[in-house]
Amino acid sequence: MKTEETRRCIVCGEVLPKEALLRFTLTPDNLIVPDFKKKLPGKGIWIKNSKKILSVAVEKNLFSKVLKKNVKTDFSLIEMVEKILHKRALDAISLARKAGSLVTGFEKVCETIKKNKAAFILEAQDAGEDGHNKIMNLAKNLDVFHTFTVEELDKELDKVNTVHIAFLQTQMAKTVQNEISKLENFLNS
């Protein structure tokens, strides 16, 4: 059985699975950069997946303290991390569309939920109250995310008025859910 790898957050000190953390590394020109694919060389610096905790790390210059050298970080790092996580989640949604692992449209989403074929639901932040209430009543046992606007979903899926998406129970859905969860955890914790 494979054991889960853990690392310690340099801010809060919690030991967590790697998937619950963000990895950063130092470039040769002493700049801290995100390394979410865990492929860049150098010592990994791990921070809990939280905008607030990353802000503390930048504010208190904890990267320099951990590395015992003067490194360059500023609050633009937080914005960069948010943009990367946002893009990764949207890219995963696009891949799910190409793989045929999702359905869009209120009626199709409702039908997918009723047939127990949905892994989770993505509803636009700016969805109408009536449609939102109906989806929430149907999707009682499903995770429902409200991460993106209609405009963002339309652009990513090359559709018009994308308000509701049901992700089918596939491995791809797990990947998408993981990426959306990472973004939401970063923004809300």
C-alpha atoms as a PDB file:
ATOM      1  CA  MET A   1       0.000   0.000   0.000  1.00  0.00           C
ATOM      2  CA  LYS A   2       1.349   3.414  -0.968  1.00  0.00           C
ATOM      3  CA  THR A   3       1.773   5.814   1.935  1.00  0.00           C
ATOM      4  CA  GLU A   4       0.688   9.406   1.512  1.00  0.00           C
ATOM      5  CA  GLU A   5       3.547  11.899   1.413  1.00  0.00           C
ATOM      6  CA  THR A   6       3.272  14.801   3.811  1.00  0.00           C
ATOM      7  CA  ARG A   7       5.073  18.097   4.282  1.00  0.00           C
ATOM      8  CA  ARG A   8       5.048  20.820   6.929  1.00  0.00           C
ATOM      9  CA  CYS A   9       3.590  24.263   6.188  1.00  0.00           C
ATOM     10  CA  ILE A  10       6.210  26.939   6.930  1.00  0.00           C
ATOM     11  CA  VAL A  11       3.522  29.307   8.231  1.00  0.00           C
ATOM     12  CA  CYS A  12       1.153  27.311  10.438  1.00  0.00           C
ATOM     13  CA  GLY A  13       3.408  24.307  11.105  1.00  0.00           C
ATOM     14  CA  GLU A  14       0.715  21.765  10.191  1.00  0.00           C
ATOM     15  CA  VAL A  15       1.899  18.521   8.613  1.00  0.00           C
ATOM     16  CA  LEU A  16      -0.428  17.873   5.685  1.00  0.00           C
ATOM     17  CA  PRO A  17      -0.615  15.707   2.568  1.00  0.00           C
ATOM     18  CA  LYS A  18       1.193  17.310  -0.370  1.00  0.00           C
ATOM     19  CA  GLU A  19      -2.143  17.736  -2.157  1.00  0.00           C
ATOM     20  CA  ALA A  20      -3.308  20.136   0.583  1.00  0.00           C
ATOM     21  CA  LEU A  21      -0.225  22.302   0.184  1.00  0.00           C
ATOM     22  CA  LEU A  22       1.274  24.648  -2.378  1.00  0.00           C
ATOM     23  CA  ARG A  23       4.906  24.130  -3.346  1.00  0.00           C
ATOM     24  CA  PHE A  24       7.265  27.005  -4.036  1.00  0.00           C
ATOM     25  CA  THR A  25      10.910  26.996  -4.986  1.00  0.00           C
ATOM     26  CA  LEU A  26      13.780  29.444  -5.362  1.00  0.00           C
ATOM     27  CA  THR A  27      15.064  30.408  -8.808  1.00  0.00           C
ATOM     28  CA  PRO A  28      18.794  31.019  -9.429  1.00  0.00           C
ATOM     29  CA  ASP A  29      18.121  34.785  -9.278  1.00  0.00           C
ATOM     30  CA  ASN A  30      16.654  34.454  -5.738  1.00  0.00           C
ATOM     31  CA  LEU A  31      13.011  34.763  -6.747  1.00  0.00           C
ATOM     32  CA  ILE A  32      10.317  32.621  -5.118  1.00  0.00           C
ATOM     33  CA  VAL A  33       8.039  30.996  -7.720  1.00  0.00           C
ATOM     34  CA  PRO A  34       5.109  28.567  -7.542  1.00  0.00           C
ATOM     35  CA  ASP A  35       5.950  24.982  -8.486  1.00  0.00           C
ATOM     36  CA  PHE A  36       2.578  23.228  -8.440  1.00  0.00           C
ATOM     37  CA  LYS A  37       3.689  20.519 -10.855  1.00  0.00           C
ATOM     38  CA  LYS A  38       6.557  19.769  -8.470  1.00  0.00           C
ATOM     39  CA  LYS A  39       9.078  19.610 -11.301  1.00  0.00           C
ATOM     40  CA  LEU A  40      11.402  22.566 -10.677  1.00  0.00           C
ATOM     41  CA  PRO A  41      14.785  21.861  -9.098  1.00  0.00           C
ATOM     42  CA  GLY A  42      15.664  23.043  -5.637  1.00  0.00           C
ATOM     43  CA  LYS A  43      14.307  22.755  -2.161  1.00  0.00           C
ATOM     44  CA  GLY A  44      10.536  22.826  -1.971  1.00  0.00           C
ATOM     45  CA  ILE A  45       8.939  25.325   0.359  1.00  0.00           C
ATOM     46  CA  TRP A  46       5.458  24.213   1.350  1.00  0.00           C
ATOM     47  CA  ILE A  47       2.532  26.401   2.362  1.00  0.00           C
ATOM     48  CA  LYS A  48      -1.023  25.365   3.195  1.00  0.00           C
ATOM     49  CA  ASN A  49      -3.388  25.983   0.257  1.00  0.00           C
ATOM     50  CA  SER A  50      -4.805  29.237   1.629  1.00  0.00           C
ATOM     51  CA  LYS A  51      -4.664  32.812   0.391  1.00  0.00           C
ATOM     52  CA  LYS A  52      -4.586  34.072   3.995  1.00  0.00           C
ATOM     53  CA  ILE A  53      -1.693  31.818   4.953  1.00  0.00           C
ATOM     54  CA  LEU A  54       0.277  32.694   1.813  1.00  0.00           C
ATOM     55  CA  SER A  55      -0.297  36.375   2.637  1.00  0.00           C
ATOM     56  CA  VAL A  56       1.240  35.810   6.081  1.00  0.00           C
ATOM     57  CA  ALA A  57       4.260  34.104   4.497  1.00  0.00           C
ATOM     58  CA  VAL A  58       4.831  37.057   2.164  1.00  0.00           C
ATOM     59  CA  GLU A  59       4.097  39.711   4.797  1.00  0.00           C
ATOM     60  CA  LYS A  60       6.461  38.178   7.375  1.00  0.00           C
ATOM     61  CA  ASN A  61       9.097  37.290   4.762  1.00  0.00           C
ATOM     62  CA  LEU A  62       9.030  33.647   5.878  1.00  0.00           C
ATOM     63  CA  PHE A  63      10.592  32.424   2.630  1.00  0.00           C
ATOM     64  CA  SER A  64      13.825  34.268   3.534  1.00  0.00           C
ATOM     65  CA  LYS A  65      13.738  32.933   7.094  1.00  0.00           C
ATOM     66  CA  VAL A  66      13.260  29.312   5.965  1.00  0.00           C
ATOM     67  CA  LEU A  67      15.955  29.509   3.295  1.00  0.00           C
ATOM     68  CA  LYS A  68      18.272  31.596   5.513  1.00  0.00           C
ATOM     69  CA  LYS A  69      18.991  33.980   2.656  1.00  0.00           C
ATOM     70  CA  ASN A  70      17.510  37.137   1.201  1.00  0.00           C
ATOM     71  CA  VAL A  71      14.909  36.227  -1.417  1.00  0.00           C
ATOM     72  CA  LYS A  72      12.522  38.316  -3.499  1.00  0.00           C
ATOM     73  CA  THR A  73       8.815  38.035  -2.733  1.00  0.00           C
ATOM     74  CA  ASP A  74       5.982  40.497  -2.740  1.00  0.00           C
ATOM     75  CA  PHE A  75       2.205  40.453  -2.767  1.00  0.00           C
ATOM     76  CA  SER A  76       2.159  39.875  -6.540  1.00  0.00           C
ATOM     77  CA  LEU A  77       3.016  36.250  -5.668  1.00  0.00           C
ATOM     78  CA  ILE A  78      -0.462  35.852  -4.157  1.00  0.00           C
ATOM     79  CA  GLU A  79      -2.129  37.180  -7.296  1.00  0.00           C
ATOM     80  CA  MET A  80       0.069  34.907  -9.437  1.00  0.00           C
ATOM     81  CA  VAL A  81      -0.932  31.837  -7.407  1.00  0.00           C
ATOM     82  CA  GLU A  82      -4.619  32.705  -7.683  1.00  0.00           C
ATOM     83  CA  LYS A  83      -4.327  33.148 -11.462  1.00  0.00           C
ATOM     84  CA  ILE A  84      -2.511  29.824 -11.852  1.00  0.00           C
ATOM     85  CA  LEU A  85      -5.096  27.919  -9.792  1.00  0.00           C
ATOM     86  CA  HIS A  86      -7.928  29.666 -11.673  1.00  0.00           C
ATOM     87  CA  LYS A  87      -6.416  28.737 -15.040  1.00  0.00           C
ATOM     88  CA  ARG A  88      -5.773  25.134 -14.006  1.00  0.00           C
ATOM     89  CA  ALA A  89      -9.412  24.710 -12.960  1.00  0.00           C
ATOM     90  CA  LEU A  90     -10.725  26.208 -16.209  1.00  0.00           C
ATOM     91  CA  ASP A  91      -8.294  24.101 -18.260  1.00  0.00           C
ATOM     92  CA  ALA A  92      -9.550  20.965 -16.498  1.00  0.00           C
ATOM     93  CA  ILE A  93     -13.150  21.912 -17.355  1.00  0.00           C
ATOM     94  CA  SER A  94     -12.152  22.374 -20.987  1.00  0.00           C
ATOM     95  CA  LEU A  95     -10.476  18.947 -21.048  1.00  0.00           C
ATOM     96  CA  ALA A  96     -13.599  17.373 -19.548  1.00  0.00           C
ATOM     97  CA  ARG A  97     -15.676  18.918 -22.338  1.00  0.00           C
ATOM     98  CA  LYS A  98     -13.304  17.513 -24.970  1.00  0.00           C
ATOM     99  CA  ALA A  99     -13.467  14.097 -23.275  1.00  0.00           C
ATOM    100  CA  GLY A 100     -17.271  14.149 -23.252  1.00  0.00           C
ATOM    101  CA  SER A 101     -17.321  14.019 -19.448  1.00  0.00           C
ATOM    102  CA  LEU A 102     -19.841  16.782 -18.858  1.00  0.00           C
ATOM    103  CA  VAL A 103     -23.271  18.000 -19.882  1.00  0.00           C
ATOM    104  CA  THR A 104     -24.525  21.572 -19.970  1.00  0.00           C
ATOM    105  CA  GLY A 105     -27.927  23.157 -19.914  1.00  0.00           C
ATOM    106  CA  PHE A 106     -30.513  23.179 -17.168  1.00  0.00           C
ATOM    107  CA  GLU A 107     -32.689  20.313 -18.478  1.00  0.00           C
ATOM    108  CA  LYS A 108     -29.751  18.025 -19.310  1.00  0.00           C
ATOM    109  CA  VAL A 109     -28.151  18.700 -15.943  1.00  0.00           C
ATOM    110  CA  CYS A 110     -31.424  17.928 -14.123  1.00  0.00           C
ATOM    111  CA  GLU A 111     -31.818  14.702 -16.105  1.00  0.00           C
ATOM    112  CA  THR A 112     -28.228  13.664 -15.335  1.00  0.00           C
ATOM    113  CA  ILE A 113     -28.782  14.256 -11.615  1.00  0.00           C
ATOM    114  CA  LYS A 114     -32.065  12.321 -11.616  1.00  0.00           C
ATOM    115  CA  LYS A 115     -30.386   9.339 -13.326  1.00  0.00           C
ATOM    116  CA  ASN A 116     -27.591   9.375 -10.695  1.00  0.00           C
ATOM    117  CA  LYS A 117     -24.950   9.895 -13.368  1.00  0.00           C
ATOM    118  CA  ALA A 118     -23.537  13.170 -11.991  1.00  0.00           C
ATOM    119  CA  ALA A 119     -20.331  13.241  -9.972  1.00  0.00           C
ATOM    120  CA  PHE A 120     -20.763  16.920  -9.065  1.00  0.00           C
ATOM    121  CA  ILE A 121     -22.334  20.126 -10.348  1.00  0.00           C
ATOM    122  CA  LEU A 122     -20.799  23.427 -11.370  1.00  0.00           C
ATOM    123  CA  GLU A 123     -23.182  26.358 -11.343  1.00  0.00           C
ATOM    124  CA  ALA A 124     -22.247  29.868 -12.466  1.00  0.00           C
ATOM    125  CA  GLN A 125     -21.897  32.431  -9.680  1.00  0.00           C
ATOM    126  CA  ASP A 126     -24.407  34.631 -11.448  1.00  0.00           C
ATOM    127  CA  ALA A 127     -27.058  31.934 -11.918  1.00  0.00           C
ATOM    128  CA  GLY A 128     -30.676  32.975 -11.485  1.00  0.00           C
ATOM    129  CA  GLU A 129     -32.285  32.264  -8.129  1.00  0.00           C
ATOM    130  CA  ASP A 130     -35.056  30.060  -9.541  1.00  0.00           C
ATOM    131  CA  GLY A 131     -32.680  27.736 -11.443  1.00  0.00           C
ATOM    132  CA  HIS A 132     -30.277  27.718  -8.509  1.00  0.00           C
ATOM    133  CA  ASN A 133     -32.995  26.616  -6.085  1.00  0.00           C
ATOM    134  CA  LYS A 134     -34.176  23.834  -8.405  1.00  0.00           C
ATOM    135  CA  ILE A 135     -30.636  22.514  -8.907  1.00  0.00           C
ATOM    136  CA  MET A 136     -29.905  22.647  -5.172  1.00  0.00           C
ATOM    137  CA  ASN A 137     -33.093  20.680  -4.433  1.00  0.00           C
ATOM    138  CA  LEU A 138     -32.153  17.994  -6.950  1.00  0.00           C
ATOM    139  CA  ALA A 139     -28.450  17.825  -6.066  1.00  0.00           C
ATOM    140  CA  LYS A 140     -28.862  17.147  -2.355  1.00  0.00           C
ATOM    141  CA  ASN A 141     -26.074  14.527  -2.188  1.00  0.00           C
ATOM    142  CA  LEU A 142     -23.743  16.159  -4.699  1.00  0.00           C
ATOM    143  CA  ASP A 143     -21.084  18.820  -4.329  1.00  0.00           C
ATOM    144  CA  VAL A 144     -22.173  22.019  -6.072  1.00  0.00           C
ATOM    145  CA  PHE A 145     -19.489  24.568  -6.888  1.00  0.00           C
ATOM    146  CA  HIS A 146     -20.090  28.255  -7.665  1.00  0.00           C
ATOM    147  CA  THR A 147     -16.575  29.180  -8.726  1.00  0.00           C
ATOM    148  CA  PHE A 148     -16.932  30.876 -12.115  1.00  0.00           C
ATOM    149  CA  THR A 149     -19.190  33.366 -13.858  1.00  0.00           C
ATOM    150  CA  VAL A 150     -21.337  32.622 -16.912  1.00  0.00           C
ATOM    151  CA  GLU A 151     -18.887  34.652 -18.999  1.00  0.00           C
ATOM    152  CA  GLU A 152     -15.894  32.573 -17.856  1.00  0.00           C
ATOM    153  CA  LEU A 153     -17.695  29.284 -18.493  1.00  0.00           C
ATOM    154  CA  ASP A 154     -18.958  30.457 -21.912  1.00  0.00           C
ATOM    155  CA  LYS A 155     -15.436  31.398 -22.947  1.00  0.00           C
ATOM    156  CA  GLU A 156     -13.901  28.135 -21.732  1.00  0.00           C
ATOM    157  CA  LEU A 157     -16.560  25.863 -23.239  1.00  0.00           C
ATOM    158  CA  ASP A 158     -17.152  27.951 -26.367  1.00  0.00           C
ATOM    159  CA  LYS A 159     -20.872  28.107 -25.600  1.00  0.00           C
ATOM    160  CA  VAL A 160     -23.459  30.761 -24.833  1.00  0.00           C
ATOM    161  CA  ASN A 161     -25.173  31.193 -21.461  1.00  0.00           C
ATOM    162  CA  THR A 162     -23.467  28.308 -19.636  1.00  0.00           C
ATOM    163  CA  VAL A 163     -25.070  28.386 -16.202  1.00  0.00           C
ATOM    164  CA  HIS A 164     -25.239  24.718 -15.138  1.00  0.00           C
ATOM    165  CA  ILE A 165     -22.771  21.894 -15.771  1.00  0.00           C
ATOM    166  CA  ALA A 166     -23.018  18.314 -14.563  1.00  0.00           C
ATOM    167  CA  PHE A 167     -19.798  16.324 -14.588  1.00  0.00           C
ATOM    168  CA  LEU A 168     -20.317  12.639 -15.317  1.00  0.00           C
ATOM    169  CA  GLN A 169     -18.923   9.989 -12.996  1.00  0.00           C
ATOM    170  CA  THR A 170     -15.540   9.518 -14.662  1.00  0.00           C
ATOM    171  CA  GLN A 171     -11.899   9.791 -13.683  1.00  0.00           C
ATOM    172  CA  MET A 172     -11.868  13.110 -15.538  1.00  0.00           C
ATOM    173  CA  ALA A 173     -14.570  14.430 -13.192  1.00  0.00           C
ATOM    174  CA  LYS A 174     -12.333  13.612 -10.216  1.00  0.00           C
ATOM    175  CA  THR A 175      -9.524  15.610 -11.802  1.00  0.00           C
ATOM    176  CA  VAL A 176     -11.785  18.597 -12.457  1.00  0.00           C
ATOM    177  CA  GLN A 177     -13.266  18.449  -8.970  1.00  0.00           C
ATOM    178  CA  ASN A 178      -9.776  18.360  -7.487  1.00  0.00           C
ATOM    179  CA  GLU A 179      -8.692  21.461  -9.441  1.00  0.00           C
ATOM    180  CA  ILE A 180     -11.864  23.403  -8.587  1.00  0.00           C
ATOM    181  CA  SER A 181     -11.528  22.391  -4.928  1.00  0.00           C
ATOM    182  CA  LYS A 182      -7.919  23.619  -4.842  1.00  0.00           C
ATOM    183  CA  LEU A 183      -8.997  27.002  -6.171  1.00  0.00           C
ATOM    184  CA  GLU A 184     -11.946  27.280  -3.781  1.00  0.00           C
ATOM    185  CA  ASN A 185      -9.825  26.201  -0.805  1.00  0.00           C
ATOM    186  CA  PHE A 186      -7.222  28.795  -1.694  1.00  0.00           C
ATOM    187  CA  LEU A 187      -9.815  31.566  -1.925  1.00  0.00           C
ATOM    188  CA  ASN A 188     -11.929  30.598   1.088  1.00  0.00           C
ATOM    189  CA  SER A 189      -9.549  29.330   3.750  1.00  0.00           C
END
